[in-house]
PDB file of N, CA and C in Angstrom:
ATOM      1  N   MET A   1      74.240 -52.655 -35.674  1.00  0.00           N
ATOM      2  CA  MET A   1      75.558 -52.308 -36.833  1.00  0.00           C
ATOM      3  C   MET A   1      76.585 -51.612 -36.208  1.00  0.00           C
ATOM      4  N   THR A   2      77.517 -51.649 -36.548  1.00  0.00           N
ATOM      5  CA  THR A   2      78.895 -50.952 -36.171  1.00  0.00           C
ATOM      6  C   THR A   2      79.055 -50.053 -37.544  1.00  0.00           C
ATOM      7  N   THR A   3      79.491 -48.832 -36.932  1.00  0.00           N
ATOM      8  CA  THR A   3      79.664 -47.564 -38.049  1.00  0.00           C
ATOM      9  C   THR A   3      81.265 -47.640 -38.414  1.00  0.00           C
ATOM     10  N   LEU A   4      81.702 -47.136 -39.488  1.00  0.00           N
ATOM     11  CA  LEU A   4      83.149 -46.836 -40.248  1.00  0.00           C
ATOM     12  C   LEU A   4      83.871 -46.226 -38.650  1.00  0.00           C
ATOM     13  N   VAL A   5      83.102 -45.247 -38.042  1.00  0.00           N
ATOM     14  CA  VAL A   5      84.241 -44.788 -37.029  1.00  0.00           C
ATOM     15  C   VAL A   5      84.651 -46.066 -35.826  1.00  0.00           C
ATOM     16  N   GLU A   6      83.728 -46.516 -35.474  1.00  0.00           N
ATOM     17  CA  GLU A   6      83.833 -47.672 -34.600  1.00  0.00           C
ATOM     18  C   GLU A   6      84.741 -48.778 -35.319  1.00  0.00           C
ATOM     19  N   GLN A   7      84.869 -49.157 -36.352  1.00  0.00           N
ATOM     20  CA  GLN A   7      85.966 -49.678 -36.826  1.00  0.00           C
ATOM     21  C   GLN A   7      87.426 -49.563 -36.830  1.00  0.00           C
ATOM     22  N   THR A   8      87.056 -48.150 -37.336  1.00  0.00           N
ATOM     23  CA  THR A   8      88.835 -47.186 -37.255  1.00  0.00           C
ATOM     24  C   THR A   8      89.416 -47.254 -35.605  1.00  0.00           C
ATOM     25  N   ILE A   9      88.500 -46.986 -34.816  1.00  0.00           N
ATOM     26  CA  ILE A   9      89.094 -47.068 -33.120  1.00  0.00           C
ATOM     27  C   ILE A   9      89.553 -48.240 -33.228  1.00  0.00           C
ATOM     28  N   VAL A  10      89.207 -49.092 -33.413  1.00  0.00           N
ATOM     29  CA  VAL A  10      89.150 -50.733 -33.274  1.00  0.00           C
ATOM     30  C   VAL A  10      90.598 -50.927 -34.024  1.00  0.00           C
ATOM     31  N   LYS A  11      90.615 -50.693 -35.157  1.00  0.00           N
ATOM     32  CA  LYS A  11      91.965 -50.653 -35.843  1.00  0.00           C
ATOM     33  C   LYS A  11      92.940 -49.771 -35.111  1.00  0.00           C
ATOM     34  N   THR A  12      92.912 -48.918 -34.918  1.00  0.00           N
ATOM     35  CA  THR A  12      93.767 -47.996 -34.181  1.00  0.00           C
ATOM     36  C   THR A  12      94.530 -48.516 -32.832  1.00  0.00           C
ATOM     37  N   SER A  13      93.454 -49.079 -32.279  1.00  0.00           N
ATOM     38  CA  SER A  13      93.673 -49.794 -30.609  1.00  0.00           C
ATOM     39  C   SER A  13      94.716 -50.874 -31.521  1.00  0.00           C
ATOM     40  N   VAL A  14      94.178 -51.643 -31.991  1.00  0.00           N
ATOM     41  CA  VAL A  14      95.221 -52.991 -32.316  1.00  0.00           C
ATOM     42  C   VAL A  14      96.710 -52.659 -32.875  1.00  0.00           C
ATOM     43  N   GLU A  15      96.853 -51.530 -34.170  1.00  0.00           N
ATOM     44  CA  GLU A  15      98.379 -50.934 -34.271  1.00  0.00           C
ATOM     45  C   GLU A  15      98.845 -50.632 -32.952  1.00  0.00           C
ATOM     46  N   SER A  16      98.000 -49.887 -31.900  1.00  0.00           N
ATOM     47  CA  SER A  16      98.512 -49.541 -30.691  1.00  0.00           C
ATOM     48  C   SER A  16      99.342 -50.576 -29.940  1.00  0.00           C
ATOM     49  N   VAL A  17      98.281 -51.821 -29.816  1.00  0.00           N
ATOM     50  CA  VAL A  17      98.748 -53.060 -29.224  1.00  0.00           C
ATOM     51  C   VAL A  17      99.920 -53.740 -29.645  1.00  0.00           C
ATOM     52  N   ILE A  18      99.767 -53.754 -31.088  1.00  0.00           N
ATOM     53  CA  ILE A  18     100.993 -54.358 -31.779  1.00  0.00           C
ATOM     54  C   ILE A  18     102.401 -53.892 -31.377  1.00  0.00           C
ATOM     55  N   ASP A  19     102.272 -52.572 -31.460  1.00  0.00           N
ATOM     56  CA  ASP A  19     103.525 -51.857 -31.076  1.00  0.00           C
ATOM     57  C   ASP A  19     104.563 -52.230 -29.719  1.00  0.00           C
ATOM     58  N   LYS A  20     103.245 -52.359 -28.805  1.00  0.00           N
ATOM     59  CA  LYS A  20     103.266 -52.566 -27.614  1.00  0.00           C
ATOM     60  C   LYS A  20     103.909 -54.272 -27.780  1.00  0.00           C
ATOM     61  N   LEU A  21     103.249 -55.164 -28.376  1.00  0.00           N
ATOM     62  CA  LEU A  21     103.870 -56.799 -28.038  1.00  0.00           C
ATOM     63  C   LEU A  21     105.015 -56.724 -28.602  1.00  0.00           C
ATOM     64  N   ASN A  22     105.496 -56.240 -29.773  1.00  0.00           N
ATOM     65  CA  ASN A  22     106.837 -56.183 -30.334  1.00  0.00           C
ATOM     66  C   ASN A  22     107.799 -55.527 -29.398  1.00  0.00           C
ATOM     67  N   VAL A  23     107.485 -54.575 -28.319  1.00  0.00           N
ATOM     68  CA  VAL A  23     108.585 -54.037 -27.475  1.00  0.00           C
ATOM     69  C   VAL A  23     108.909 -55.335 -26.496  1.00  0.00           C
ATOM     70  N   ILE A  24     107.616 -55.644 -25.824  1.00  0.00           N
ATOM     71  CA  ILE A  24     107.608 -56.505 -24.673  1.00  0.00           C
ATOM     72  C   ILE A  24     107.945 -57.962 -25.779  1.00  0.00           C
ATOM     73  N   GLU A  25     107.991 -58.633 -26.751  1.00  0.00           N
ATOM     74  CA  GLU A  25     108.665 -59.673 -27.646  1.00  0.00           C
ATOM     75  C   GLU A  25     110.150 -59.028 -27.256  1.00  0.00           C
ATOM     76  N   LYS A  26     110.474 -58.234 -27.626  1.00  0.00           N
ATOM     77  CA  LYS A  26     111.883 -58.206 -27.910  1.00  0.00           C
ATOM     78  C   LYS A  26     112.729 -57.806 -26.574  1.00  0.00           C
ATOM     79  N   ARG A  27     112.011 -57.519 -25.453  1.00  0.00           N
ATOM     80  CA  ARG A  27     112.272 -57.627 -24.283  1.00  0.00           C
ATOM     81  C   ARG A  27     112.801 -59.036 -23.512  1.00  0.00           C
ATOM     82  N   LYS A  28     111.799 -59.717 -23.778  1.00  0.00           N
ATOM     83  CA  LYS A  28     111.784 -61.375 -23.132  1.00  0.00           C
ATOM     84  C   LYS A  28     112.752 -61.767 -24.114  1.00  0.00           C
ATOM     85  N   HIS A  29     112.749 -61.531 -25.357  1.00  0.00           N
ATOM     86  CA  HIS A  29     113.754 -62.208 -26.293  1.00  0.00           C
ATOM     87  C   HIS A  29     115.523 -61.828 -25.908  1.00  0.00           C
ATOM     88  N   LEU A  30     115.771 -60.887 -25.188  1.00  0.00           N
ATOM     89  CA  LEU A  30     116.780 -60.325 -24.762  1.00  0.00           C
ATOM     90  C   LEU A  30     117.006 -60.878 -23.345  1.00  0.00           C
ATOM     91  N   GLU A  31     116.022 -61.054 -22.597  1.00  0.00           N
ATOM     92  CA  GLU A  31     115.892 -61.428 -20.972  1.00  0.00           C
ATOM     93  C   GLU A  31     116.513 -62.794 -21.083  1.00  0.00           C
ATOM     94  N   GLN A  32     116.162 -63.457 -22.007  1.00  0.00           N
ATOM     95  CA  GLN A  32     116.429 -64.748 -22.076  1.00  0.00           C
ATOM     96  C   GLN A  32     117.603 -65.584 -22.464  1.00  0.00           C
ATOM     97  N   GLY A  33     118.507 -64.286 -23.221  1.00  0.00           N
ATOM     98  CA  GLY A  33     119.837 -64.313 -23.897  1.00  0.00           C
ATOM     99  C   GLY A  33     119.769 -65.288 -25.176  1.00  0.00           C
ATOM    100  N   PHE A  34     118.851 -64.844 -25.986  1.00  0.00           N
ATOM    101  CA  PHE A  34     118.408 -65.339 -27.410  1.00  0.00           C
ATOM    102  C   PHE A  34     119.677 -64.467 -28.110  1.00  0.00           C
ATOM    103  N   THR A  35     120.424 -64.776 -29.396  1.00  0.00           N
ATOM    104  CA  THR A  35     121.091 -63.964 -30.007  1.00  0.00           C
ATOM    105  C   THR A  35     120.205 -63.620 -31.404  1.00  0.00           C
ATOM    106  N   THR A  36     119.058 -64.570 -31.733  1.00  0.00           N
ATOM    107  CA  THR A  36     118.596 -64.093 -32.855  1.00  0.00           C
ATOM    108  C   THR A  36     117.496 -62.938 -32.781  1.00  0.00           C
ATOM    109  N   GLN A  37     116.962 -62.667 -33.885  1.00  0.00           N
ATOM    110  CA  GLN A  37     116.034 -61.698 -33.666  1.00  0.00           C
ATOM    111  C   GLN A  37     114.929 -62.002 -33.562  1.00  0.00           C
ATOM    112  N   ALA A  38     114.115 -61.336 -32.567  1.00  0.00           N
ATOM    113  CA  ALA A  38     112.766 -61.651 -31.819  1.00  0.00           C
ATOM    114  C   ALA A  38     111.708 -61.691 -33.084  1.00  0.00           C
ATOM    115  N   ASP A  39     110.550 -62.374 -32.681  1.00  0.00           N
ATOM    116  CA  ASP A  39     109.724 -62.789 -33.924  1.00  0.00           C
ATOM    117  C   ASP A  39     108.773 -61.201 -33.833  1.00  0.00           C
ATOM    118  N   LEU A  40     108.261 -60.640 -35.019  1.00  0.00           N
ATOM    119  CA  LEU A  40     107.620 -59.622 -34.937  1.00  0.00           C
ATOM    120  C   LEU A  40     106.070 -59.935 -35.295  1.00  0.00           C
ATOM    121  N   TRP A  41     105.424 -58.895 -34.164  1.00  0.00           N
ATOM    122  CA  TRP A  41     103.864 -59.064 -34.130  1.00  0.00           C
ATOM    123  C   TRP A  41     103.249 -58.260 -35.590  1.00  0.00           C
ATOM    124  N   HIS A  42     102.537 -58.860 -36.265  1.00  0.00           N
ATOM    125  CA  HIS A  42     101.691 -58.137 -36.895  1.00  0.00           C
ATOM    126  C   HIS A  42     100.323 -58.278 -37.269  1.00  0.00           C
ATOM    127  N   VAL A  43      99.334 -57.437 -38.211  1.00  0.00           N
ATOM    128  CA  VAL A  43      98.103 -57.366 -38.130  1.00  0.00           C
ATOM    129  C   VAL A  43      97.935 -58.035 -39.632  1.00  0.00           C
ATOM    130  N   LYS A  44      96.800 -58.855 -39.710  1.00  0.00           N
ATOM    131  CA  LYS A  44      96.141 -59.388 -41.304  1.00  0.00           C
ATOM    132  C   LYS A  44      94.607 -59.209 -41.008  1.00  0.00           C
ATOM    133  N   GLU A  45      94.174 -58.500 -41.862  1.00  0.00           N
ATOM    134  CA  GLU A  45      92.667 -58.051 -41.775  1.00  0.00           C
ATOM    135  C   GLU A  45      91.933 -59.019 -42.696  1.00  0.00           C
ATOM    136  N   LYS A  46      90.979 -59.748 -42.053  1.00  0.00           N
ATOM    137  CA  LYS A  46      90.084 -60.771 -42.651  1.00  0.00           C
ATOM    138  C   LYS A  46      88.761 -60.202 -42.414  1.00  0.00           C
ATOM    139  N   ARG A  47      87.885 -60.764 -42.952  1.00  0.00           N
ATOM    140  CA  ARG A  47      86.327 -60.019 -43.240  1.00  0.00           C
ATOM    141  C   ARG A  47      85.845 -60.131 -41.791  1.00  0.00           C
ATOM    142  N   ARG A  48      85.938 -60.637 -40.896  1.00  0.00           N
ATOM    143  CA  ARG A  48      85.578 -60.365 -39.446  1.00  0.00           C
ATOM    144  C   ARG A  48      86.332 -60.061 -38.472  1.00  0.00           C
ATOM    145  N   TYR A  49      87.458 -60.746 -38.646  1.00  0.00           N
ATOM    146  CA  TYR A  49      88.682 -60.652 -37.652  1.00  0.00           C
ATOM    147  C   TYR A  49      89.891 -60.196 -37.939  1.00  0.00           C
ATOM    148  N   LEU A  50      90.365 -59.560 -37.251  1.00  0.00           N
ATOM    149  CA  LEU A  50      91.899 -58.764 -37.387  1.00  0.00           C
ATOM    150  C   LEU A  50      92.648 -59.704 -36.707  1.00  0.00           C
ATOM    151  N   ASN A  51      93.657 -60.468 -37.352  1.00  0.00           N
ATOM    152  CA  ASN A  51      94.437 -61.523 -36.832  1.00  0.00           C
ATOM    153  C   ASN A  51      95.882 -61.149 -36.299  1.00  0.00           C
ATOM    154  N   LEU A  52      96.052 -61.256 -35.068  1.00  0.00           N
ATOM    155  CA  LEU A  52      97.391 -60.972 -34.248  1.00  0.00           C
ATOM    156  C   LEU A  52      98.193 -62.011 -34.591  1.00  0.00           C
ATOM    157  N   ASP A  53      99.215 -61.704 -35.356  1.00  0.00           N
ATOM    158  CA  ASP A  53      99.986 -62.983 -35.578  1.00  0.00           C
ATOM    159  C   ASP A  53     101.688 -62.504 -35.252  1.00  0.00           C
ATOM    160  N   CYS A  54     102.189 -63.421 -34.567  1.00  0.00           N
ATOM    161  CA  CYS A  54     103.802 -63.616 -33.979  1.00  0.00           C
ATOM    162  C   CYS A  54     104.545 -64.328 -35.170  1.00  0.00           C
ATOM    163  N   GLY A  55     105.545 -63.688 -35.565  1.00  0.00           N
ATOM    164  CA  GLY A  55     106.242 -64.605 -36.500  1.00  0.00           C
ATOM    165  C   GLY A  55     105.289 -64.938 -37.759  1.00  0.00           C
ATOM    166  N   HIS A  56     105.293 -66.314 -38.022  1.00  0.00           N
ATOM    167  CA  HIS A  56     104.746 -66.911 -38.805  1.00  0.00           C
ATOM    168  C   HIS A  56     103.172 -67.782 -38.069  1.00  0.00           C
ATOM    169  N   SER A  57     102.845 -67.657 -36.818  1.00  0.00           N
ATOM    170  CA  SER A  57     101.683 -68.045 -36.560  1.00  0.00           C
ATOM    171  C   SER A  57     100.845 -67.385 -35.641  1.00  0.00           C
ATOM    172  N   GLY A  58      99.856 -67.729 -35.983  1.00  0.00           N
ATOM    173  CA  GLY A  58      98.546 -66.956 -35.311  1.00  0.00           C
ATOM    174  C   GLY A  58      98.531 -66.936 -34.029  1.00  0.00           C
ATOM    175  N   ALA A  59      98.241 -65.993 -33.161  1.00  0.00           N
ATOM    176  CA  ALA A  59      98.191 -65.757 -31.988  1.00  0.00           C
ATOM    177  C   ALA A  59      96.625 -65.471 -31.258  1.00  0.00           C
ATOM    178  N   PHE A  60      95.839 -64.571 -31.819  1.00  0.00           N
ATOM    179  CA  PHE A  60      94.810 -63.943 -31.219  1.00  0.00           C
ATOM    180  C   PHE A  60      93.998 -63.463 -32.406  1.00  0.00           C
ATOM    181  N   LEU A  61      92.646 -63.393 -32.103  1.00  0.00           N
ATOM    182  CA  LEU A  61      91.933 -62.915 -33.092  1.00  0.00           C
ATOM    183  C   LEU A  61      91.067 -61.399 -32.402  1.00  0.00           C
ATOM    184  N   VAL A  62      90.899 -60.511 -33.378  1.00  0.00           N
ATOM    185  CA  VAL A  62      90.273 -59.438 -32.844  1.00  0.00           C
ATOM    186  C   VAL A  62      89.130 -58.919 -33.424  1.00  0.00           C
ATOM    187  N   ASP A  63      87.497 -58.834 -32.750  1.00  0.00           N
ATOM    188  CA  ASP A  63      86.557 -59.165 -33.494  1.00  0.00           C
ATOM    189  C   ASP A  63      86.547 -57.414 -34.003  1.00  0.00           C
ATOM    190  N   LYS A  64      86.538 -57.398 -35.350  1.00  0.00           N
ATOM    191  CA  LYS A  64      86.416 -55.787 -35.900  1.00  0.00           C
ATOM    192  C   LYS A  64      85.286 -55.277 -35.657  1.00  0.00           C
ATOM    193  N   PHE A  65      84.234 -55.781 -35.414  1.00  0.00           N
ATOM    194  CA  PHE A  65      82.933 -54.931 -34.816  1.00  0.00           C
ATOM    195  C   PHE A  65      82.782 -54.541 -33.466  1.00  0.00           C
ATOM    196  N   THR A  66      83.186 -55.482 -32.616  1.00  0.00           N
ATOM    197  CA  THR A  66      83.183 -55.150 -31.264  1.00  0.00           C
ATOM    198  C   THR A  66      84.431 -55.101 -30.316  1.00  0.00           C
ATOM    199  N   GLY A  67      85.731 -55.195 -31.002  1.00  0.00           N
ATOM    200  CA  GLY A  67      86.952 -55.023 -30.324  1.00  0.00           C
ATOM    201  C   GLY A  67      87.362 -56.229 -29.424  1.00  0.00           C
ATOM    202  N   GLU A  68      86.263 -57.510 -29.001  1.00  0.00           N
ATOM    203  CA  GLU A  68      87.049 -58.778 -28.384  1.00  0.00           C
ATOM    204  C   GLU A  68      87.902 -59.088 -28.606  1.00  0.00           C
ATOM    205  N   ILE A  69      88.731 -59.740 -28.017  1.00  0.00           N
ATOM    206  CA  ILE A  69      89.879 -60.558 -28.212  1.00  0.00           C
ATOM    207  C   ILE A  69      89.645 -62.030 -27.741  1.00  0.00           C
ATOM    208  N   TYR A  70      90.119 -63.143 -29.043  1.00  0.00           N
ATOM    209  CA  TYR A  70      90.026 -64.246 -28.713  1.00  0.00           C
ATOM    210  C   TYR A  70      90.662 -64.883 -28.810  1.00  0.00           C
ATOM    211  N   ASN A  71      90.943 -66.205 -28.263  1.00  0.00           N
ATOM    212  CA  ASN A  71      92.276 -67.434 -28.824  1.00  0.00           C
ATOM    213  C   ASN A  71      91.807 -67.958 -29.964  1.00  0.00           C
ATOM    214  N   ILE A  72      92.498 -68.571 -30.552  1.00  0.00           N
ATOM    215  CA  ILE A  72      92.332 -69.153 -31.989  1.00  0.00           C
ATOM    216  C   ILE A  72      92.040 -70.639 -31.761  1.00  0.00           C
ATOM    217  N   LYS A  73      91.246 -71.513 -32.303  1.00  0.00           N
ATOM    218  CA  LYS A  73      90.802 -72.803 -32.575  1.00  0.00           C
ATOM    219  C   LYS A  73      91.661 -73.206 -33.553  1.00  0.00           C
ATOM    220  N   ALA A  74      91.354 -72.704 -34.568  1.00  0.00           N
ATOM    221  CA  ALA A  74      92.229 -72.745 -35.900  1.00  0.00           C
ATOM    222  C   ALA A  74      92.326 -71.462 -36.624  1.00  0.00           C
ATOM    223  N   TYR A  75      93.271 -71.451 -37.744  1.00  0.00           N
ATOM    224  CA  TYR A  75      93.304 -70.344 -38.211  1.00  0.00           C
ATOM    225  C   TYR A  75      92.207 -69.504 -38.622  1.00  0.00           C
ATOM    226  N   GLY A  76      91.947 -68.410 -38.149  1.00  0.00           N
ATOM    227  CA  GLY A  76      90.623 -67.792 -38.601  1.00  0.00           C
ATOM    228  C   GLY A  76      89.569 -68.164 -37.798  1.00  0.00           C
ATOM    229  N   VAL A  77      89.523 -68.952 -36.800  1.00  0.00           N
ATOM    230  CA  VAL A  77      88.167 -69.583 -36.348  1.00  0.00           C
ATOM    231  C   VAL A  77      88.493 -69.077 -34.736  1.00  0.00           C
ATOM    232  N   ALA A  78      87.464 -68.068 -34.195  1.00  0.00           N
ATOM    233  CA  ALA A  78      87.900 -67.969 -32.480  1.00  0.00           C
ATOM    234  C   ALA A  78      87.089 -69.081 -31.640  1.00  0.00           C
ATOM    235  N   ASP A  79      88.100 -68.999 -30.767  1.00  0.00           N
ATOM    236  CA  ASP A  79      87.409 -70.106 -29.978  1.00  0.00           C
ATOM    237  C   ASP A  79      86.645 -69.375 -28.879  1.00  0.00           C
ATOM    238  N   GLN A  80      85.391 -69.815 -28.914  1.00  0.00           N
ATOM    239  CA  GLN A  80      84.686 -69.325 -28.185  1.00  0.00           C
ATOM    240  C   GLN A  80      84.603 -70.013 -26.658  1.00  0.00           C
ATOM    241  N   ASN A  81      84.861 -71.228 -26.571  1.00  0.00           N
ATOM    242  CA  ASN A  81      85.137 -71.826 -25.201  1.00  0.00           C
ATOM    243  C   ASN A  81      86.332 -71.175 -24.325  1.00  0.00           C
ATOM    244  N   LYS A  82      87.099 -70.935 -25.008  1.00  0.00           N
ATOM    245  CA  LYS A  82      88.446 -70.325 -24.121  1.00  0.00           C
ATOM    246  C   LYS A  82      87.797 -68.672 -23.896  1.00  0.00           C
ATOM    247  N   LYS A  83      86.902 -68.105 -24.438  1.00  0.00           N
ATOM    248  CA  LYS A  83      86.482 -66.890 -24.134  1.00  0.00           C
ATOM    249  C   LYS A  83      85.842 -67.259 -22.985  1.00  0.00           C
ATOM    250  N   ILE A  84      85.097 -68.201 -22.903  1.00  0.00           N
ATOM    251  CA  ILE A  84      84.083 -68.406 -21.613  1.00  0.00           C
ATOM    252  C   ILE A  84      84.726 -68.578 -20.183  1.00  0.00           C
ATOM    253  N   LYS A  85      85.991 -69.369 -20.420  1.00  0.00           N
ATOM    254  CA  LYS A  85      86.897 -69.870 -19.329  1.00  0.00           C
ATOM    255  C   LYS A  85      87.881 -68.517 -19.064  1.00  0.00           C
ATOM    256  N   ALA A  86      88.725 -68.135 -19.965  1.00  0.00           N
ATOM    257  CA  ALA A  86      89.376 -67.110 -19.526  1.00  0.00           C
ATOM    258  C   ALA A  86      89.282 -65.892 -20.675  1.00  0.00           C
ATOM    259  N   ASP A  87      88.731 -65.061 -20.070  1.00  0.00           N
ATOM    260  CA  ASP A  87      87.989 -63.752 -20.983  1.00  0.00           C
ATOM    261  C   ASP A  87      89.448 -62.716 -21.315  1.00  0.00           C
ATOM    262  N   LEU A  88      90.030 -62.812 -22.570  1.00  0.00           N
ATOM    263  CA  LEU A  88      91.307 -62.057 -22.718  1.00  0.00           C
ATOM    264  C   LEU A  88      90.819 -60.344 -22.616  1.00  0.00           C
ATOM    265  N   GLY A  89      89.462 -60.343 -22.580  1.00  0.00           N
ATOM    266  CA  GLY A  89      89.209 -58.528 -22.827  1.00  0.00           C
ATOM    267  C   GLY A  89      88.928 -58.218 -23.992  1.00  0.00           C
ATOM    268  N   ASN A  90      89.098 -56.694 -24.308  1.00  0.00           N
ATOM    269  CA  ASN A  90      88.754 -56.026 -25.318  1.00  0.00           C
ATOM    270  C   ASN A  90      89.883 -55.172 -25.794  1.00  0.00           C
ATOM    271  N   ILE A  91      90.107 -55.256 -26.961  1.00  0.00           N
ATOM    272  CA  ILE A  91      91.478 -54.373 -27.608  1.00  0.00           C
ATOM    273  C   ILE A  91      91.409 -52.914 -27.053  1.00  0.00           C
ATOM    274  N   ASN A  92      90.708 -52.276 -26.428  1.00  0.00           N
ATOM    275  CA  ASN A  92      90.488 -51.000 -26.348  1.00  0.00           C
ATOM    276  C   ASN A  92      91.135 -50.564 -24.918  1.00  0.00           C
ATOM    277  N   THR A  93      90.973 -51.854 -24.114  1.00  0.00           N
ATOM    278  CA  THR A  93      91.050 -52.000 -22.644  1.00  0.00           C
ATOM    279  C   THR A  93      91.933 -52.750 -22.149  1.00  0.00           C
ATOM    280  N   VAL A  94      92.520 -53.671 -22.774  1.00  0.00           N
ATOM    281  CA  VAL A  94      93.559 -54.833 -22.643  1.00  0.00           C
ATOM    282  C   VAL A  94      95.073 -54.519 -22.108  1.00  0.00           C
ATOM    283  N   ASP A  95      95.345 -55.107 -20.995  1.00  0.00           N
ATOM    284  CA  ASP A  95      96.520 -55.066 -20.362  1.00  0.00           C
ATOM    285  C   ASP A  95      97.756 -55.580 -21.472  1.00  0.00           C
ATOM    286  N   VAL A  96      98.450 -55.066 -22.213  1.00  0.00           N
ATOM    287  CA  VAL A  96      99.250 -56.116 -22.992  1.00  0.00           C
ATOM    288  C   VAL A  96     100.082 -56.632 -22.327  1.00  0.00           C
ATOM    289  N   GLU A  97     100.610 -56.449 -21.376  1.00  0.00           N
ATOM    290  CA  GLU A  97     101.828 -57.412 -20.658  1.00  0.00           C
ATOM    291  C   GLU A  97     101.053 -58.837 -20.590  1.00  0.00           C
ATOM    292  N   LYS A  98      99.775 -58.619 -19.889  1.00  0.00           N
ATOM    293  CA  LYS A  98      98.988 -59.882 -19.574  1.00  0.00           C
ATOM    294  C   LYS A  98      98.863 -60.709 -20.849  1.00  0.00           C
ATOM    295  N   LEU A  99      98.244 -59.910 -21.875  1.00  0.00           N
ATOM    296  CA  LEU A  99      97.941 -60.486 -23.261  1.00  0.00           C
ATOM    297  C   LEU A  99      99.040 -61.220 -23.697  1.00  0.00           C
ATOM    298  N   HIS A 100     100.210 -60.609 -23.556  1.00  0.00           N
ATOM    299  CA  HIS A 100     101.500 -61.531 -24.073  1.00  0.00           C
ATOM    300  C   HIS A 100     101.493 -62.895 -23.198  1.00  0.00           C
ATOM    301  N   CYS A 101     101.492 -62.608 -22.138  1.00  0.00           N
ATOM    302  CA  CYS A 101     101.571 -64.042 -21.203  1.00  0.00           C
ATOM    303  C   CYS A 101     101.030 -65.069 -21.603  1.00  0.00           C
ATOM    304  N   LYS A 102      99.578 -64.832 -21.906  1.00  0.00           N
ATOM    305  CA  LYS A 102      98.511 -65.542 -22.128  1.00  0.00           C
ATOM    306  C   LYS A 102      98.755 -66.011 -23.828  1.00  0.00           C
ATOM    307  N   ARG A 103      99.686 -65.702 -24.470  1.00  0.00           N
ATOM    308  CA  ARG A 103      99.679 -66.348 -25.863  1.00  0.00           C
ATOM    309  C   ARG A 103     100.015 -67.907 -25.658  1.00  0.00           C
ATOM    310  N   TRP A 104     100.439 -68.447 -25.081  1.00  0.00           N
ATOM    311  CA  TRP A 104     100.712 -69.999 -24.769  1.00  0.00           C
ATOM    312  C   TRP A 104      99.822 -70.686 -24.048  1.00  0.00           C
ATOM    313  N   ASN A 105      99.632 -69.870 -22.570  1.00  0.00           N
ATOM    314  CA  ASN A 105      98.528 -70.759 -21.826  1.00  0.00           C
ATOM    315  C   ASN A 105      97.701 -69.385 -21.580  1.00  0.00           C
ATOM    316  N   TYR A 106      96.361 -69.526 -21.866  1.00  0.00           N
ATOM    317  CA  TYR A 106      95.455 -68.507 -21.367  1.00  0.00           C
ATOM    318  C   TYR A 106      94.867 -68.580 -20.337  1.00  0.00           C
ATOM    319  N   LEU A 107      95.253 -69.702 -19.385  1.00  0.00           N
ATOM    320  CA  LEU A 107      94.920 -69.652 -18.187  1.00  0.00           C
ATOM    321  C   LEU A 107      95.466 -69.232 -17.102  1.00  0.00           C
ATOM    322  N   ARG A 108      96.685 -68.564 -17.506  1.00  0.00           N
ATOM    323  CA  ARG A 108      97.442 -68.007 -16.431  1.00  0.00           C
ATOM    324  C   ARG A 108      96.894 -66.681 -15.535  1.00  0.00           C
TER     325      ARG A 108
END
């Protein structure tokens, strides 16, 4: 069983990753020459997972107890098969640039 301290560490790491994802999203948006505002990354807390969403669509799930990052199969459902094929890592040690690239194609 995880403690409240461990869950707080995961939440703090998620906030740090979200800040970095927003910077990357804005940079990629400018590089591609778009004139509209870039989508913002944000977190929604659910019972078991923290949902990392970009704009209005879901992108990743973070297990609140272990910090493991998952692709999503359906909103709020972690895709365990993709975790086996291409492990995205843990929220505490993830390379945010690589995570951002794997939003659409997790096998890159």
